[in-house]
């Protein structure tokens, strides 16, 4: 059925060509055979062209498929690289956080040690001040005892500094 419709379309084309040339002659049966042979030859050529175009289409589709697969593969690689890059950034961030925590902890310990040292220094300064005051007081007591008069010695009267010393 397809062949007949194809032949009819070709016949109408041939008829139009003949009309264009101005020949309106009726075809003879021998002309029909040659026309059929010519149409069959055209049909074979067209079929060959269709097969060739189908092969080219298949090749193009295979190339497109290969390009799509390659694109998907490249996208996967890019995604992996981006994930690795992000992973490295997160690792670096974690490392920086750990270093910061270590430094902060070390700073806190150093601060506590400095505070302890400052308190010890203050205590020692206070002790030294008290000791100096105590030494001065004892020197005063000794001086007062040495400078006490014979009357005070016989009456057993002691200087006030000595009495304060005894109270402590």
Protein backbone atom coordinates (compact mmCIF):
# COMPACT_ATOMS: atom_id res chain seq x y z
CA UNK A 1 0.00 0.00 0.00
CA UNK A 2 2.83 2.37 0.83
CA UNK A 3 4.49 1.66 -2.48
CA UNK A 4 1.31 2.56 -4.34
CA UNK A 5 0.91 5.81 -2.47
CA UNK A 6 4.57 6.57 -3.05
CA UNK A 7 4.16 5.76 -6.74
CA UNK A 8 1.06 7.91 -6.92
CA UNK A 9 2.85 10.84 -5.34
CA UNK A 10 5.76 10.35 -7.70
CA UNK A 11 3.33 10.02 -10.63
CA UNK A 12 1.66 13.24 -9.69
CA UNK A 13 5.05 14.88 -9.50
CA UNK A 14 5.97 13.51 -12.91
CA UNK A 15 2.64 14.63 -14.28
CA UNK A 16 3.21 18.09 -12.90
CA UNK A 17 6.65 18.13 -14.47
CA UNK A 18 5.16 17.10 -17.78
CA UNK A 19 2.47 19.70 -17.46
CA UNK A 20 5.15 22.26 -16.82
CA UNK A 21 6.95 21.24 -19.98
CA UNK A 22 3.74 21.47 -21.90
CA UNK A 23 3.48 17.82 -22.92
CA UNK A 24 0.00 16.49 -22.20
CA UNK A 25 0.40 13.18 -23.92
CA UNK A 26 -1.04 10.01 -22.53
CA UNK A 27 1.47 7.51 -21.35
CA UNK A 28 1.99 4.32 -23.18
CA UNK A 29 2.29 0.99 -21.37
CA UNK A 30 6.02 0.79 -22.10
CA UNK A 31 6.37 4.16 -20.49
CA UNK A 32 4.61 2.75 -17.44
CA UNK A 33 7.20 -0.02 -17.12
CA UNK A 34 10.07 2.37 -17.45
CA UNK A 35 8.37 4.69 -14.99
CA UNK A 36 7.91 1.81 -12.57
CA UNK A 37 11.55 0.82 -12.99
CA UNK A 38 12.63 4.39 -12.50
CA UNK A 39 10.46 4.68 -9.41
CA UNK A 40 11.76 1.40 -8.06
CA UNK A 41 15.31 2.62 -8.65
CA UNK A 42 14.45 5.88 -6.85
CA UNK A 43 12.83 3.86 -4.08
CA UNK A 44 15.95 1.73 -3.65
CA UNK A 45 18.12 4.85 -3.59
CA UNK A 46 15.81 6.51 -1.09
CA UNK A 47 15.85 3.37 1.07
CA UNK A 48 19.65 3.40 0.94
CA UNK A 49 19.61 7.06 1.94
CA UNK A 50 17.20 6.29 4.78
CA UNK A 51 19.43 3.45 5.99
CA UNK A 52 22.49 5.72 5.78
CA UNK A 53 20.66 8.48 7.68
CA UNK A 54 19.51 5.94 10.28
CA UNK A 55 23.12 4.81 10.75
CA UNK A 56 24.26 8.41 11.09
CA UNK A 57 21.42 9.02 13.56
CA UNK A 58 22.44 5.97 15.60
CA UNK A 59 26.06 7.12 15.58
CA UNK A 60 25.01 10.60 16.67
CA UNK A 61 22.83 9.12 19.42
CA UNK A 62 25.73 6.94 20.59
CA UNK A 63 28.01 9.97 20.67
CA UNK A 64 25.36 11.93 22.57
CA UNK A 65 24.99 9.03 24.98
CA UNK A 66 28.78 8.89 25.44
CA UNK A 67 28.91 12.64 26.02
CA UNK A 68 26.09 12.38 28.57
CA UNK A 69 27.89 9.57 30.38
CA UNK A 70 31.13 11.54 30.32
CA UNK A 71 29.29 14.60 31.62
CA UNK A 72 27.75 12.58 34.45
CA UNK A 73 31.15 11.14 35.28
CA UNK A 74 32.70 14.62 35.32
CA UNK A 75 29.86 15.92 37.49
CA UNK A 76 30.46 13.08 39.94
CA UNK A 77 34.18 13.87 40.01
CA UNK A 78 33.47 17.57 40.52
CA UNK A 79 31.07 16.73 43.35
CA UNK A 80 33.67 14.46 44.94
CA UNK A 81 36.30 17.18 44.67
CA UNK A 82 33.94 19.76 46.15
CA UNK A 83 33.12 17.36 48.99
CA UNK A 84 36.83 16.78 49.60
CA UNK A 85 37.43 20.51 49.55
CA UNK A 86 34.62 21.09 52.04
CA UNK A 87 35.87 18.21 54.16
CA UNK A 88 39.35 19.74 54.23
CA UNK A 89 37.87 23.11 55.20
CA UNK A 90 35.88 21.49 58.00
CA UNK A 91 38.96 19.58 59.15
CA UNK A 92 40.96 22.81 59.14
CA UNK A 93 38.16 24.52 61.05
CA UNK A 94 38.09 21.70 63.61
CA UNK A 95 41.87 21.89 63.94
CA UNK A 96 41.68 25.64 64.49
CA UNK A 97 38.92 25.15 67.09
CA UNK A 98 41.04 22.54 68.89
CA UNK A 99 44.09 24.81 68.81
CA UNK A 100 41.99 27.70 70.08
CA UNK A 101 40.61 25.53 72.89
CA UNK A 102 44.12 24.41 73.82
CA UNK A 103 45.40 27.98 73.82
CA UNK A 104 42.40 29.16 75.81
CA UNK A 105 42.94 26.37 78.36
CA UNK A 106 46.65 27.15 78.55
CA UNK A 107 45.84 30.85 78.98
CA UNK A 108 43.42 30.00 81.83
CA UNK A 109 46.06 27.84 83.56
CA UNK A 110 48.72 30.54 83.10
CA UNK A 111 46.32 33.16 84.46
CA UNK A 112 45.61 31.00 87.51
CA UNK A 113 49.34 30.47 88.03
CA UNK A 114 49.98 34.21 87.71
CA UNK A 115 47.17 34.94 90.17
CA UNK A 116 48.64 32.42 92.62
CA UNK A 117 52.11 33.93 92.20
CA UNK A 118 50.69 37.44 92.69
CA UNK A 119 48.91 36.32 95.88
CA UNK A 120 52.11 34.67 97.16
CA UNK A 121 54.07 37.84 96.41
CA UNK A 122 51.48 39.94 98.24
CA UNK A 123 51.55 37.54 101.17
CA UNK A 124 55.34 37.65 101.24
CA UNK A 125 55.32 41.45 101.00
CA UNK A 126 52.86 41.61 103.86
CA UNK A 127 54.96 39.15 105.84
CA UNK A 128 58.11 41.17 105.13
CA UNK A 129 56.34 44.38 106.17
CA UNK A 130 55.10 42.71 109.33
CA UNK A 131 58.53 41.27 109.97
CA UNK A 132 60.18 44.65 109.45
CA UNK A 133 57.67 46.23 111.80
CA UNK A 134 58.21 43.42 114.28
CA UNK A 135 62.00 43.82 114.08
CA UNK A 136 61.69 47.58 114.60
CA UNK A 137 59.38 46.99 117.53
CA UNK A 138 61.76 44.48 119.07
CA UNK A 139 64.69 46.85 118.54
CA UNK A 140 62.63 49.51 120.34
CA UNK A 141 61.88 47.06 123.16
CA UNK A 142 65.59 46.17 123.47
CA UNK A 143 66.57 49.86 123.39
CA UNK A 144 63.98 50.68 126.06
CA UNK A 145 65.22 47.82 128.23
CA UNK A 146 68.81 48.88 127.82
CA UNK A 147 68.02 52.52 128.52
CA UNK A 148 65.94 51.86 131.59
CA UNK A 149 67.24 53.52 134.64
CA UNK A 150 68.56 51.92 137.82
CA UNK A 151 65.44 52.96 139.71
CA UNK A 152 63.22 51.24 137.21
CA UNK A 153 65.45 48.20 137.39
CA UNK A 154 65.30 48.03 141.19
CA UNK A 155 61.58 48.63 141.29
CA UNK A 156 61.17 46.03 138.62
CA UNK A 157 59.37 48.46 136.40
CA UNK A 158 59.55 47.61 132.75
CA UNK A 159 59.10 49.94 129.80
CA UNK A 160 55.68 50.04 128.12
CA UNK A 161 57.09 48.52 124.91
CA UNK A 162 58.25 45.48 126.88
CA UNK A 163 54.77 45.11 128.43
CA UNK A 164 53.20 45.26 124.96
CA UNK A 165 55.73 42.66 123.79
CA UNK A 166 54.74 40.32 126.65
CA UNK A 167 51.02 40.73 125.83
CA UNK A 168 51.57 39.55 122.30
